[in-house]
Amino acid sequence: MTRVPSDMTPFRCLRFLNAADISSADVDVRIVNVTRDDSTTLVAGKQLHIPLHEIKTKAFLRDRSLAIVSDGKRFAALEKECQDIKASGIEDVIAVLPDAVQVTAGLDDLSLAVEKMSPQQFIAERAYGHWQFVNLSSEEKLNSPLFLSLGATDRNKIKMKQQASRSGLERTLIIMDDDDLPDADVLSGISEYRGQVFVLDGGLSGLQHYQSAATAMARALARPRIGERGCAG
Protein backbone atom coordinates (compact mmCIF):
# COMPACT_ATOMS: atom_id res chain seq x y z
CA MET A 1 0.00 0.00 0.00
CA THR A 2 1.44 3.33 -1.03
CA ARG A 3 0.35 6.95 -0.92
CA VAL A 4 1.10 9.41 -3.68
CA PRO A 5 0.80 13.12 -2.79
CA SER A 6 0.04 15.77 -5.40
CA ASP A 7 0.17 19.55 -5.67
CA MET A 8 -2.94 21.68 -5.82
CA THR A 9 -4.37 24.03 -8.41
CA PRO A 10 -5.75 27.03 -6.50
CA PHE A 11 -9.36 28.09 -6.67
CA ARG A 12 -9.34 31.72 -7.81
CA CYS A 13 -13.04 32.50 -7.38
CA LEU A 14 -14.63 30.15 -4.84
CA ARG A 15 -14.22 30.46 -1.11
CA PHE A 16 -14.53 27.38 1.07
CA LEU A 17 -16.17 27.28 4.49
CA ASN A 18 -17.40 24.58 6.83
CA ALA A 19 -21.11 24.19 7.40
CA ALA A 20 -20.74 25.38 11.01
CA ASP A 21 -19.13 28.61 9.82
CA ILE A 22 -21.99 29.22 7.40
CA SER A 23 -24.65 28.60 10.05
CA SER A 24 -22.99 31.00 12.52
CA ALA A 25 -22.30 33.77 10.00
CA ASP A 26 -23.71 37.19 10.83
CA VAL A 27 -24.12 38.21 7.19
CA ASP A 28 -27.18 37.33 5.13
CA VAL A 29 -26.31 34.14 3.23
CA ARG A 30 -28.60 32.33 0.83
CA ILE A 31 -28.09 28.55 0.80
CA VAL A 32 -28.47 26.78 -2.54
CA ASN A 33 -28.29 23.01 -2.85
CA VAL A 34 -27.20 21.87 -6.32
CA THR A 35 -27.51 18.13 -5.71
CA ARG A 36 -30.21 16.19 -7.51
CA ASP A 37 -31.90 15.03 -4.31
CA ASP A 38 -32.29 15.99 -0.67
CA SER A 39 -29.57 13.65 0.60
CA THR A 40 -26.99 16.43 1.08
CA THR A 41 -28.05 18.77 3.88
CA LEU A 42 -24.86 20.04 5.46
CA VAL A 43 -26.12 23.45 6.52
CA ALA A 44 -28.99 24.02 8.91
CA GLY A 45 -31.75 26.26 7.62
CA LYS A 46 -33.88 26.66 4.53
CA GLN A 47 -32.21 25.61 1.31
CA LEU A 48 -33.17 26.34 -2.28
CA HIS A 49 -32.71 23.50 -4.77
CA ILE A 50 -31.46 24.98 -8.03
CA PRO A 51 -29.34 23.32 -10.75
CA LEU A 52 -25.85 24.79 -10.84
CA HIS A 53 -26.12 26.18 -14.37
CA GLU A 54 -29.33 28.07 -13.49
CA ILE A 55 -28.01 29.98 -10.46
CA LYS A 56 -26.70 32.92 -12.52
CA THR A 57 -30.17 33.39 -14.06
CA LYS A 58 -31.99 33.91 -10.73
CA ALA A 59 -32.41 37.64 -10.08
CA PHE A 60 -33.75 37.10 -6.54
CA LEU A 61 -30.36 35.72 -5.43
CA ARG A 62 -28.51 38.96 -6.16
CA ASP A 63 -26.94 41.40 -3.68
CA ARG A 64 -26.06 38.83 -1.06
CA SER A 65 -23.61 36.00 -0.44
CA LEU A 66 -24.36 32.54 -1.73
CA ALA A 67 -23.42 29.28 -0.02
CA ILE A 68 -23.56 26.34 -2.42
CA VAL A 69 -24.09 22.85 -1.05
CA SER A 70 -23.01 19.92 -3.21
CA ASP A 71 -21.90 16.31 -2.92
CA GLY A 72 -18.25 17.38 -3.07
CA LYS A 73 -17.68 15.92 -6.53
CA ARG A 74 -18.40 19.10 -8.49
CA PHE A 75 -15.99 21.69 -7.16
CA ALA A 76 -14.35 22.00 -10.59
CA ALA A 77 -17.73 22.82 -12.15
CA LEU A 78 -18.45 25.26 -9.30
CA GLU A 79 -15.18 27.08 -9.93
CA LYS A 80 -15.95 27.35 -13.65
CA GLU A 81 -19.42 28.77 -12.95
CA CYS A 82 -18.24 31.05 -10.15
CA GLN A 83 -17.24 34.08 -12.24
CA ASP A 84 -20.53 34.06 -14.16
CA ILE A 85 -22.45 33.75 -10.88
CA LYS A 86 -20.62 36.77 -9.44
CA ALA A 87 -21.12 38.70 -12.68
CA SER A 88 -24.88 38.20 -12.30
CA GLY A 89 -24.82 40.34 -9.13
CA ILE A 90 -24.05 37.88 -6.34
CA GLU A 91 -21.54 39.30 -3.88
CA ASP A 92 -19.68 36.18 -2.77
CA VAL A 93 -19.74 32.52 -3.78
CA ILE A 94 -18.96 30.07 -1.00
CA ALA A 95 -18.59 26.32 -1.48
CA VAL A 96 -19.68 24.41 1.61
CA LEU A 97 -17.22 21.71 2.54
CA PRO A 98 -18.69 18.24 3.10
CA ASP A 99 -18.06 16.62 6.44
CA ALA A 100 -14.76 14.75 6.52
CA VAL A 101 -15.22 10.99 6.48
CA GLN A 102 -13.38 9.06 9.14
CA VAL A 103 -12.41 5.61 7.86
CA THR A 104 -11.38 3.00 10.41
CA ALA A 105 -10.30 -0.61 10.21
CA GLY A 106 -13.38 -1.67 12.11
CA LEU A 107 -15.76 -0.91 9.26
CA ASP A 108 -17.45 -3.99 7.83
CA ASP A 109 -18.40 -2.29 4.58
CA LEU A 110 -16.24 0.51 3.21
CA SER A 111 -18.93 1.49 0.72
CA LEU A 112 -21.18 2.61 3.56
CA ALA A 113 -18.64 5.18 4.71
CA VAL A 114 -16.89 6.27 1.51
CA GLU A 115 -18.52 7.55 -1.64
CA LYS A 116 -17.49 6.30 -5.05
CA MET A 117 -16.11 8.76 -7.58
CA SER A 118 -16.43 7.81 -11.23
CA PRO A 119 -13.42 8.09 -13.58
CA GLN A 120 -15.16 10.93 -15.40
CA GLN A 121 -15.73 12.83 -12.17
CA PHE A 122 -12.15 12.23 -11.02
CA ILE A 123 -10.65 13.50 -14.28
CA ALA A 124 -12.74 16.68 -13.98
CA GLU A 125 -11.83 17.18 -10.31
CA ARG A 126 -8.20 16.10 -10.56
CA ALA A 127 -6.84 19.60 -11.13
CA TYR A 128 -8.42 21.05 -7.98
CA GLY A 129 -7.72 20.39 -4.34
CA HIS A 130 -4.78 18.74 -2.65
CA TRP A 131 -5.04 15.03 -3.46
CA GLN A 132 -3.63 12.02 -1.69
CA PHE A 133 -3.81 8.76 -3.66
CA VAL A 134 -3.88 5.51 -1.71
CA ASN A 135 -2.79 2.63 -3.91
CA LEU A 136 -4.49 -0.65 -2.94
CA SER A 137 -4.14 -2.14 -6.40
CA SER A 138 -1.80 -4.92 -7.43
CA GLU A 139 0.32 -2.39 -9.32
CA GLU A 140 3.51 -1.39 -7.53
CA LYS A 141 3.24 2.13 -8.94
CA LEU A 142 0.38 4.22 -10.26
CA ASN A 143 1.76 4.99 -13.70
CA SER A 144 -1.06 7.13 -15.06
CA PRO A 145 -0.21 10.85 -15.35
CA LEU A 146 -3.43 11.48 -13.46
CA PHE A 147 -1.70 10.29 -10.29
CA LEU A 148 1.44 12.36 -10.72
CA SER A 149 2.19 15.75 -9.19
CA LEU A 150 0.69 18.70 -11.01
CA GLY A 151 3.98 20.54 -10.50
CA ALA A 152 2.76 23.97 -9.43
CA THR A 153 5.45 26.49 -10.36
CA ASP A 154 4.99 28.94 -7.51
CA ARG A 155 4.00 26.92 -4.49
CA ASN A 156 4.82 29.59 -1.90
CA LYS A 157 2.59 32.10 -3.66
CA ILE A 158 -0.20 29.55 -3.89
CA LYS A 159 0.07 28.79 -0.18
CA MET A 160 -0.11 32.47 0.78
CA LYS A 161 -3.04 33.35 -1.43
CA GLN A 162 -5.03 30.16 -1.08
CA GLN A 163 -4.34 29.07 2.47
CA ALA A 164 -8.02 28.86 3.34
CA SER A 165 -8.78 26.72 0.31
CA ARG A 166 -5.68 24.61 0.83
CA SER A 167 -6.56 23.82 4.40
CA GLY A 168 -10.18 23.17 3.55
CA LEU A 169 -9.99 21.03 0.42
CA GLU A 170 -7.91 18.01 1.29
CA ARG A 171 -8.98 15.00 -0.78
CA THR A 172 -8.13 11.31 -0.73
CA LEU A 173 -8.77 8.76 -3.49
CA ILE A 174 -8.52 5.04 -2.75
CA ILE A 175 -7.54 3.07 -5.83
CA MET A 176 -7.96 -0.67 -6.33
CA ASP A 177 -7.81 -3.01 -9.32
CA ASP A 178 -11.58 -3.12 -9.78
CA ASP A 179 -14.78 -2.80 -7.75
CA ASP A 180 -13.72 -5.20 -4.99
CA LEU A 181 -13.51 -3.20 -1.78
CA PRO A 182 -10.68 -3.91 0.67
CA ASP A 183 -11.33 -5.94 3.79
CA ALA A 184 -11.23 -4.36 7.23
CA ASP A 185 -7.87 -5.96 8.01
CA VAL A 186 -6.39 -4.27 4.93
CA LEU A 187 -7.67 -0.92 6.15
CA SER A 188 -5.75 -1.38 9.38
CA GLY A 189 -2.56 -0.51 7.50
CA ILE A 190 -3.92 2.84 6.30
CA SER A 191 -3.96 5.98 8.40
CA GLU A 192 -4.18 9.73 8.09
CA TYR A 193 -6.87 10.02 5.48
CA ARG A 194 -7.24 13.64 4.47
CA GLY A 195 -10.51 15.51 4.12
CA GLN A 196 -12.91 14.10 1.56
CA VAL A 197 -12.42 10.39 0.97
CA PHE A 198 -13.50 8.66 -2.24
CA VAL A 199 -13.09 5.24 -3.79
CA LEU A 200 -12.35 5.23 -7.52
CA ASP A 201 -15.40 3.54 -9.07
CA GLY A 202 -14.26 0.51 -11.04
CA GLY A 203 -10.68 0.90 -9.88
CA LEU A 204 -7.78 1.00 -12.32
CA SER A 205 -9.60 -1.23 -14.80
CA GLY A 206 -12.59 1.13 -14.79
CA LEU A 207 -10.33 4.14 -15.33
CA GLN A 208 -8.52 2.44 -18.21
CA HIS A 209 -11.83 1.42 -19.80
CA TYR A 210 -13.15 4.97 -19.56
CA GLN A 211 -9.98 6.46 -21.03
CA SER A 212 -10.00 3.96 -23.91
CA ALA A 213 -13.66 4.71 -24.66
CA ALA A 214 -13.06 8.47 -24.50
CA THR A 215 -10.04 8.18 -26.80
CA ALA A 216 -12.00 6.10 -29.31
CA MET A 217 -14.83 8.63 -29.24
CA ALA A 218 -12.44 11.55 -29.78
CA ARG A 219 -10.83 9.79 -32.76
CA ALA A 220 -14.23 9.00 -34.26
CA LEU A 221 -15.31 12.63 -33.98
CA ALA A 222 -12.03 13.76 -35.58
CA ARG A 223 -12.51 11.63 -38.71
CA PRO A 224 -13.96 13.36 -41.80
CA ARG A 225 -17.57 12.39 -42.31
CA ILE A 226 -19.10 11.27 -45.61
CA GLY A 227 -19.99 14.34 -47.64
CA GLU A 228 -17.55 16.56 -45.70
CA ARG A 229 -14.40 15.84 -47.72
CA GLY A 230 -15.01 18.74 -50.09
CA CYS A 231 -15.21 18.75 -53.84
CA ALA A 232 -13.04 16.27 -55.72
CA GLY A 233 -12.27 18.59 -58.58
C-alpha atoms as a PDB file:
ATOM      1  CA  MET A   1       0.000   0.000   0.000  1.00  0.00           C
ATOM      2  CA  THR A   2       1.440   3.335  -1.031  1.00  0.00           C
ATOM      3  CA  ARG A   3       0.348   6.948  -0.921  1.00  0.00           C
ATOM      4  CA  VAL A   4       1.101   9.406  -3.678  1.00  0.00           C
ATOM      5  CA  PRO A   5       0.799  13.121  -2.793  1.00  0.00           C
ATOM      6  CA  SER A   6       0.037  15.773  -5.397  1.00  0.00           C
ATOM      7  CA  ASP A   7       0.172  19.548  -5.669  1.00  0.00           C
ATOM      8  CA  MET A   8      -2.936  21.684  -5.820  1.00  0.00           C
ATOM      9  CA  THR A   9      -4.368  24.029  -8.405  1.00  0.00           C
ATOM     10  CA  PRO A  10      -5.754  27.030  -6.497  1.00  0.00           C
ATOM     11  CA  PHE A  11      -9.357  28.092  -6.673  1.00  0.00           C
ATOM     12  CA  ARG A  12      -9.344  31.717  -7.808  1.00  0.00           C
ATOM     13  CA  CYS A  13     -13.044  32.501  -7.377  1.00  0.00           C
ATOM     14  CA  LEU A  14     -14.632  30.154  -4.845  1.00  0.00           C
ATOM     15  CA  ARG A  15     -14.223  30.461  -1.112  1.00  0.00           C
ATOM     16  CA  PHE A  16     -14.528  27.376   1.070  1.00  0.00           C
ATOM     17  CA  LEU A  17     -16.171  27.275   4.492  1.00  0.00           C
ATOM     18  CA  ASN A  18     -17.400  24.582   6.825  1.00  0.00           C
ATOM     19  CA  ALA A  19     -21.114  24.185   7.400  1.00  0.00           C
ATOM     20  CA  ALA A  20     -20.744  25.378  11.008  1.00  0.00           C
ATOM     21  CA  ASP A  21     -19.130  28.614   9.823  1.00  0.00           C
ATOM     22  CA  ILE A  22     -21.987  29.218   7.395  1.00  0.00           C
ATOM     23  CA  SER A  23     -24.650  28.597  10.048  1.00  0.00           C
ATOM     24  CA  SER A  24     -22.993  30.995  12.522  1.00  0.00           C
ATOM     25  CA  ALA A  25     -22.300  33.771   9.995  1.00  0.00           C
ATOM     26  CA  ASP A  26     -23.715  37.189  10.832  1.00  0.00           C
ATOM     27  CA  VAL A  27     -24.117  38.213   7.186  1.00  0.00           C
ATOM     28  CA  ASP A  28     -27.181  37.330   5.127  1.00  0.00           C
ATOM     29  CA  VAL A  29     -26.308  34.142   3.231  1.00  0.00           C
ATOM     30  CA  ARG A  30     -28.596  32.327   0.826  1.00  0.00           C
ATOM     31  CA  ILE A  31     -28.094  28.555   0.797  1.00  0.00           C
ATOM     32  CA  VAL A  32     -28.466  26.781  -2.544  1.00  0.00           C
ATOM     33  CA  ASN A  33     -28.290  23.006  -2.851  1.00  0.00           C
ATOM     34  CA  VAL A  34     -27.204  21.868  -6.325  1.00  0.00           C
ATOM     35  CA  THR A  35     -27.513  18.129  -5.708  1.00  0.00           C
ATOM     36  CA  ARG A  36     -30.207  16.189  -7.515  1.00  0.00           C
ATOM     37  CA  ASP A  37     -31.895  15.031  -4.315  1.00  0.00           C
ATOM     38  CA  ASP A  38     -32.291  15.991  -0.670  1.00  0.00           C
ATOM     39  CA  SER A  39     -29.567  13.652   0.601  1.00  0.00           C
ATOM     40  CA  THR A  40     -26.986  16.427   1.080  1.00  0.00           C
ATOM     41  CA  THR A  41     -28.048  18.773   3.883  1.00  0.00           C
ATOM     42  CA  LEU A  42     -24.857  20.041   5.456  1.00  0.00           C
ATOM     43  CA  VAL A  43     -26.122  23.450   6.523  1.00  0.00           C
ATOM     44  CA  ALA A  44     -28.987  24.024   8.915  1.00  0.00           C
ATOM     45  CA  GLY A  45     -31.752  26.258   7.623  1.00  0.00           C
ATOM     46  CA  LYS A  46     -33.879  26.657   4.528  1.00  0.00           C
ATOM     47  CA  GLN A  47     -32.214  25.612   1.306  1.00  0.00           C
ATOM     48  CA  LEU A  48     -33.169  26.339  -2.279  1.00  0.00           C
ATOM     49  CA  HIS A  49     -32.715  23.498  -4.765  1.00  0.00           C
ATOM     50  CA  ILE A  50     -31.455  24.981  -8.025  1.00  0.00           C
ATOM     51  CA  PRO A  51     -29.340  23.322 -10.745  1.00  0.00           C
ATOM     52  CA  LEU A  52     -25.848  24.794 -10.835  1.00  0.00           C
ATOM     53  CA  HIS A  53     -26.121  26.180 -14.367  1.00  0.00           C
ATOM     54  CA  GLU A  54     -29.326  28.070 -13.487  1.00  0.00           C
ATOM     55  CA  ILE A  55     -28.006  29.981 -10.458  1.00  0.00           C
ATOM     56  CA  LYS A  56     -26.700  32.920 -12.524  1.00  0.00           C
ATOM     57  CA  THR A  57     -30.174  33.392 -14.059  1.00  0.00           C
ATOM     58  CA  LYS A  58     -31.995  33.910 -10.731  1.00  0.00           C
ATOM     59  CA  ALA A  59     -32.406  37.637 -10.081  1.00  0.00           C
ATOM     60  CA  PHE A  60     -33.752  37.104  -6.541  1.00  0.00           C
ATOM     61  CA  LEU A  61     -30.361  35.724  -5.432  1.00  0.00           C
ATOM     62  CA  ARG A  62     -28.508  38.957  -6.157  1.00  0.00           C
ATOM     63  CA  ASP A  63     -26.937  41.403  -3.681  1.00  0.00           C
ATOM     64  CA  ARG A  64     -26.061  38.829  -1.063  1.00  0.00           C
ATOM     65  CA  SER A  65     -23.611  36.004  -0.441  1.00  0.00           C
ATOM     66  CA  LEU A  66     -24.361  32.539  -1.731  1.00  0.00           C
ATOM     67  CA  ALA A  67     -23.419  29.276  -0.017  1.00  0.00           C
ATOM     68  CA  ILE A  68     -23.557  26.339  -2.422  1.00  0.00           C
ATOM     69  CA  VAL A  69     -24.093  22.846  -1.052  1.00  0.00           C
ATOM     70  CA  SER A  70     -23.015  19.921  -3.214  1.00  0.00           C
ATOM     71  CA  ASP A  71     -21.895  16.311  -2.916  1.00  0.00           C
ATOM     72  CA  GLY A  72     -18.248  17.378  -3.069  1.00  0.00           C
ATOM     73  CA  LYS A  73     -17.680  15.922  -6.527  1.00  0.00           C
ATOM     74  CA  ARG A  74     -18.404  19.095  -8.490  1.00  0.00           C
ATOM     75  CA  PHE A  75     -15.993  21.693  -7.156  1.00  0.00           C
ATOM     76  CA  ALA A  76     -14.349  22.002 -10.593  1.00  0.00           C
ATOM     77  CA  ALA A  77     -17.727  22.816 -12.146  1.00  0.00           C
ATOM     78  CA  LEU A  78     -18.445  25.257  -9.301  1.00  0.00           C
ATOM     79  CA  GLU A  79     -15.178  27.076  -9.932  1.00  0.00           C
ATOM     80  CA  LYS A  80     -15.949  27.353 -13.650  1.00  0.00           C
ATOM     81  CA  GLU A  81     -19.421  28.765 -12.947  1.00  0.00           C
ATOM     82  CA  CYS A  82     -18.240  31.050 -10.149  1.00  0.00           C
ATOM     83  CA  GLN A  83     -17.242  34.077 -12.241  1.00  0.00           C
ATOM     84  CA  ASP A  84     -20.533  34.058 -14.156  1.00  0.00           C
ATOM     85  CA  ILE A  85     -22.449  33.754 -10.884  1.00  0.00           C
ATOM     86  CA  LYS A  86     -20.618  36.772  -9.436  1.00  0.00           C
ATOM     87  CA  ALA A  87     -21.122  38.701 -12.676  1.00  0.00           C
ATOM     88  CA  SER A  88     -24.883  38.202 -12.300  1.00  0.00           C
ATOM     89  CA  GLY A  89     -24.816  40.338  -9.133  1.00  0.00           C
ATOM     90  CA  ILE A  90     -24.055  37.877  -6.343  1.00  0.00           C
ATOM     91  CA  GLU A  91     -21.536  39.299  -3.876  1.00  0.00           C
ATOM     92  CA  ASP A  92     -19.683  36.181  -2.765  1.00  0.00           C
ATOM     93  CA  VAL A  93     -19.741  32.518  -3.784  1.00  0.00           C
ATOM     94  CA  ILE A  94     -18.964  30.067  -1.000  1.00  0.00           C
ATOM     95  CA  ALA A  95     -18.588  26.316  -1.481  1.00  0.00           C
ATOM     96  CA  VAL A  96     -19.682  24.410   1.608  1.00  0.00           C
ATOM     97  CA  LEU A  97     -17.215  21.708   2.543  1.00  0.00           C
ATOM     98  CA  PRO A  98     -18.692  18.243   3.098  1.00  0.00           C
ATOM     99  CA  ASP A  99     -18.057  16.621   6.444  1.00  0.00           C
ATOM    100  CA  ALA A 100     -14.758  14.750   6.516  1.00  0.00           C
ATOM    101  CA  VAL A 101     -15.221  10.987   6.477  1.00  0.00           C
ATOM    102  CA  GLN A 102     -13.376   9.061   9.136  1.00  0.00           C
ATOM    103  CA  VAL A 103     -12.411   5.608   7.856  1.00  0.00           C
ATOM    104  CA  THR A 104     -11.377   3.003  10.412  1.00  0.00           C
ATOM    105  CA  ALA A 105     -10.297  -0.611  10.206  1.00  0.00           C
ATOM    106  CA  GLY A 106     -13.378  -1.666  12.113  1.00  0.00           C
ATOM    107  CA  LEU A 107     -15.755  -0.908   9.261  1.00  0.00           C
ATOM    108  CA  ASP A 108     -17.449  -3.988   7.828  1.00  0.00           C
ATOM    109  CA  ASP A 109     -18.399  -2.288   4.582  1.00  0.00           C
ATOM    110  CA  LEU A 110     -16.241   0.509   3.211  1.00  0.00           C
ATOM    111  CA  SER A 111     -18.925   1.494   0.716  1.00  0.00           C
ATOM    112  CA  LEU A 112     -21.183   2.607   3.558  1.00  0.00           C
ATOM    113  CA  ALA A 113     -18.639   5.185   4.713  1.00  0.00           C
ATOM    114  CA  VAL A 114     -16.890   6.272   1.512  1.00  0.00           C
ATOM    115  CA  GLU A 115     -18.521   7.546  -1.644  1.00  0.00           C
ATOM    116  CA  LYS A 116     -17.491   6.304  -5.048  1.00  0.00           C
ATOM    117  CA  MET A 117     -16.109   8.758  -7.581  1.00  0.00           C
ATOM    118  CA  SER A 118     -16.433   7.810 -11.233  1.00  0.00           C
ATOM    119  CA  PRO A 119     -13.423   8.087 -13.579  1.00  0.00           C
ATOM    120  CA  GLN A 120     -15.162  10.933 -15.403  1.00  0.00           C
ATOM    121  CA  GLN A 121     -15.725  12.834 -12.166  1.00  0.00           C
ATOM    122  CA  PHE A 122     -12.150  12.230 -11.019  1.00  0.00           C
ATOM    123  CA  ILE A 123     -10.648  13.501 -14.280  1.00  0.00           C
ATOM    124  CA  ALA A 124     -12.745  16.677 -13.983  1.00  0.00           C
ATOM    125  CA  GLU A 125     -11.832  17.185 -10.313  1.00  0.00           C
ATOM    126  CA  ARG A 126      -8.199  16.095 -10.556  1.00  0.00           C
ATOM    127  CA  ALA A 127      -6.840  19.604 -11.127  1.00  0.00           C
ATOM    128  CA  TYR A 128      -8.418  21.049  -7.979  1.00  0.00           C
ATOM    129  CA  GLY A 129      -7.719  20.394  -4.342  1.00  0.00           C
ATOM    130  CA  HIS A 130      -4.778  18.735  -2.651  1.00  0.00           C
ATOM    131  CA  TRP A 131      -5.039  15.028  -3.456  1.00  0.00           C
ATOM    132  CA  GLN A 132      -3.631  12.018  -1.688  1.00  0.00           C
ATOM    133  CA  PHE A 133      -3.814   8.756  -3.660  1.00  0.00           C
ATOM    134  CA  VAL A 134      -3.879   5.514  -1.706  1.00  0.00           C
ATOM    135  CA  ASN A 135      -2.792   2.626  -3.907  1.00  0.00           C
ATOM    136  CA  LEU A 136      -4.488  -0.646  -2.939  1.00  0.00           C
ATOM    137  CA  SER A 137      -4.142  -2.142  -6.399  1.00  0.00           C
ATOM    138  CA  SER A 138      -1.804  -4.922  -7.435  1.00  0.00           C
ATOM    139  CA  GLU A 139       0.319  -2.386  -9.321  1.00  0.00           C
ATOM    140  CA  GLU A 140       3.506  -1.395  -7.533  1.00  0.00           C
ATOM    141  CA  LYS A 141       3.240   2.130  -8.937  1.00  0.00           C
ATOM    142  CA  LEU A 142       0.377   4.220 -10.261  1.00  0.00           C
ATOM    143  CA  ASN A 143       1.763   4.991 -13.696  1.00  0.00           C
ATOM    144  CA  SER A 144      -1.060   7.127 -15.063  1.00  0.00           C
ATOM    145  CA  PRO A 145      -0.206  10.848 -15.351  1.00  0.00           C
ATOM    146  CA  LEU A 146      -3.427  11.478 -13.456  1.00  0.00           C
ATOM    147  CA  PHE A 147      -1.703  10.290 -10.291  1.00  0.00           C
ATOM    148  CA  LEU A 148       1.442  12.357 -10.717  1.00  0.00           C
ATOM    149  CA  SER A 149       2.187  15.749  -9.190  1.00  0.00           C
ATOM    150  CA  LEU A 150       0.694  18.705 -11.012  1.00  0.00           C
ATOM    151  CA  GLY A 151       3.981  20.535 -10.498  1.00  0.00           C
ATOM    152  CA  ALA A 152       2.756  23.974  -9.430  1.00  0.00           C
ATOM    153  CA  THR A 153       5.450  26.495 -10.364  1.00  0.00           C
ATOM    154  CA  ASP A 154       4.992  28.944  -7.509  1.00  0.00           C
ATOM    155  CA  ARG A 155       3.999  26.917  -4.494  1.00  0.00           C
ATOM    156  CA  ASN A 156       4.819  29.585  -1.897  1.00  0.00           C
ATOM    157  CA  LYS A 157       2.594  32.095  -3.660  1.00  0.00           C
ATOM    158  CA  ILE A 158      -0.199  29.550  -3.887  1.00  0.00           C
ATOM    159  CA  LYS A 159       0.073  28.792  -0.179  1.00  0.00           C
ATOM    160  CA  MET A 160      -0.113  32.466   0.782  1.00  0.00           C
ATOM    161  CA  LYS A 161      -3.042  33.350  -1.434  1.00  0.00           C
ATOM    162  CA  GLN A 162      -5.031  30.158  -1.083  1.00  0.00           C
ATOM    163  CA  GLN A 163      -4.336  29.072   2.466  1.00  0.00           C
ATOM    164  CA  ALA A 164      -8.024  28.861   3.338  1.00  0.00           C
ATOM    165  CA  SER A 165      -8.783  26.720   0.313  1.00  0.00           C
ATOM    166  CA  ARG A 166      -5.677  24.607   0.828  1.00  0.00           C
ATOM    167  CA  SER A 167      -6.556  23.819   4.403  1.00  0.00           C
ATOM    168  CA  GLY A 168     -10.185  23.166   3.552  1.00  0.00           C
ATOM    169  CA  LEU A 169      -9.993  21.035   0.419  1.00  0.00           C
ATOM    170  CA  GLU A 170      -7.915  18.010   1.291  1.00  0.00           C
ATOM    171  CA  ARG A 171      -8.981  15.004  -0.778  1.00  0.00           C
ATOM    172  CA  THR A 172      -8.130  11.309  -0.726  1.00  0.00           C
ATOM    173  CA  LEU A 173      -8.772   8.759  -3.487  1.00  0.00           C
ATOM    174  CA  ILE A 174      -8.525   5.036  -2.752  1.00  0.00           C
ATOM    175  CA  ILE A 175      -7.537   3.067  -5.834  1.00  0.00           C
ATOM    176  CA  MET A 176      -7.960  -0.674  -6.327  1.00  0.00           C
ATOM    177  CA  ASP A 177      -7.805  -3.012  -9.322  1.00  0.00           C
ATOM    178  CA  ASP A 178     -11.579  -3.124  -9.777  1.00  0.00           C
ATOM    179  CA  ASP A 179     -14.780  -2.800  -7.747  1.00  0.00           C
ATOM    180  CA  ASP A 180     -13.725  -5.199  -4.987  1.00  0.00           C
ATOM    181  CA  LEU A 181     -13.513  -3.199  -1.778  1.00  0.00           C
ATOM    182  CA  PRO A 182     -10.678  -3.912   0.675  1.00  0.00           C
ATOM    183  CA  ASP A 183     -11.332  -5.936   3.792  1.00  0.00           C
ATOM    184  CA  ALA A 184     -11.233  -4.356   7.234  1.00  0.00           C
ATOM    185  CA  ASP A 185      -7.865  -5.960   8.014  1.00  0.00           C
ATOM    186  CA  VAL A 186      -6.394  -4.269   4.930  1.00  0.00           C
ATOM    187  CA  LEU A 187      -7.671  -0.920   6.152  1.00  0.00           C
ATOM    188  CA  SER A 188      -5.754  -1.382   9.384  1.00  0.00           C
ATOM    189  CA  GLY A 189      -2.564  -0.511   7.505  1.00  0.00           C
ATOM    190  CA  ILE A 190      -3.917   2.838   6.296  1.00  0.00           C
ATOM    191  CA  SER A 191      -3.963   5.976   8.401  1.00  0.00           C
ATOM    192  CA  GLU A 192      -4.179   9.726   8.091  1.00  0.00           C
ATOM    193  CA  TYR A 193      -6.868  10.019   5.485  1.00  0.00           C
ATOM    194  CA  ARG A 194      -7.236  13.638   4.473  1.00  0.00           C
ATOM    195  CA  GLY A 195     -10.510  15.512   4.122  1.00  0.00           C
ATOM    196  CA  GLN A 196     -12.907  14.098   1.563  1.00  0.00           C
ATOM    197  CA  VAL A 197     -12.423  10.389   0.967  1.00  0.00           C
ATOM    198  CA  PHE A 198     -13.496   8.658  -2.237  1.00  0.00           C
ATOM    199  CA  VAL A 199     -13.087   5.239  -3.787  1.00  0.00           C
ATOM    200  CA  LEU A 200     -12.351   5.227  -7.520  1.00  0.00           C
ATOM    201  CA  ASP A 201     -15.404   3.538  -9.067  1.00  0.00           C
ATOM    202  CA  GLY A 202     -14.264   0.508 -11.045  1.00  0.00           C
ATOM    203  CA  GLY A 203     -10.678   0.897  -9.880  1.00  0.00           C
ATOM    204  CA  LEU A 204      -7.779   0.996 -12.316  1.00  0.00           C
ATOM    205  CA  SER A 205      -9.604  -1.234 -14.796  1.00  0.00           C
ATOM    206  CA  GLY A 206     -12.593   1.131 -14.793  1.00  0.00           C
ATOM    207  CA  LEU A 207     -10.332   4.141 -15.326  1.00  0.00           C
ATOM    208  CA  GLN A 208      -8.517   2.441 -18.206  1.00  0.00           C
ATOM    209  CA  HIS A 209     -11.826   1.421 -19.801  1.00  0.00           C
ATOM    210  CA  TYR A 210     -13.155   4.971 -19.557  1.00  0.00           C
ATOM    211  CA  GLN A 211      -9.981   6.458 -21.026  1.00  0.00           C
ATOM    212  CA  SER A 212     -10.005   3.959 -23.909  1.00  0.00           C
ATOM    213  CA  ALA A 213     -13.655   4.709 -24.662  1.00  0.00           C
ATOM    214  CA  ALA A 214     -13.064   8.475 -24.497  1.00  0.00           C
ATOM    215  CA  THR A 215     -10.037   8.184 -26.804  1.00  0.00           C
ATOM    216  CA  ALA A 216     -12.004   6.104 -29.313  1.00  0.00           C
ATOM    217  CA  MET A 217     -14.833   8.632 -29.240  1.00  0.00           C
ATOM    218  CA  ALA A 218     -12.438  11.547 -29.784  1.00  0.00           C
ATOM    219  CA  ARG A 219     -10.834   9.794 -32.758  1.00  0.00           C
ATOM    220  CA  ALA A 220     -14.233   9.002 -34.259  1.00  0.00           C
ATOM    221  CA  LEU A 221     -15.307  12.631 -33.982  1.00  0.00           C
ATOM    222  CA  ALA A 222     -12.033  13.762 -35.581  1.00  0.00           C
ATOM    223  CA  ARG A 223     -12.510  11.627 -38.714  1.00  0.00           C
ATOM    224  CA  PRO A 224     -13.956  13.358 -41.798  1.00  0.00           C
ATOM    225  CA  ARG A 225     -17.569  12.390 -42.313  1.00  0.00           C
ATOM    226  CA  ILE A 226     -19.097  11.274 -45.612  1.00  0.00           C
ATOM    227  CA  GLY A 227     -19.985  14.335 -47.642  1.00  0.00           C
ATOM    228  CA  GLU A 228     -17.547  16.560 -45.697  1.00  0.00           C
ATOM    229  CA  ARG A 229     -14.402  15.837 -47.717  1.00  0.00           C
ATOM    230  CA  GLY A 230     -15.008  18.741 -50.087  1.00  0.00           C
ATOM    231  CA  CYS A 231     -15.214  18.752 -53.844  1.00  0.00           C
ATOM    232  CA  ALA A 232     -13.039  16.268 -55.715  1.00  0.00           C
ATOM    233  CA  GLY A 233     -12.266  18.593 -58.583  1.00  0.00           C
END
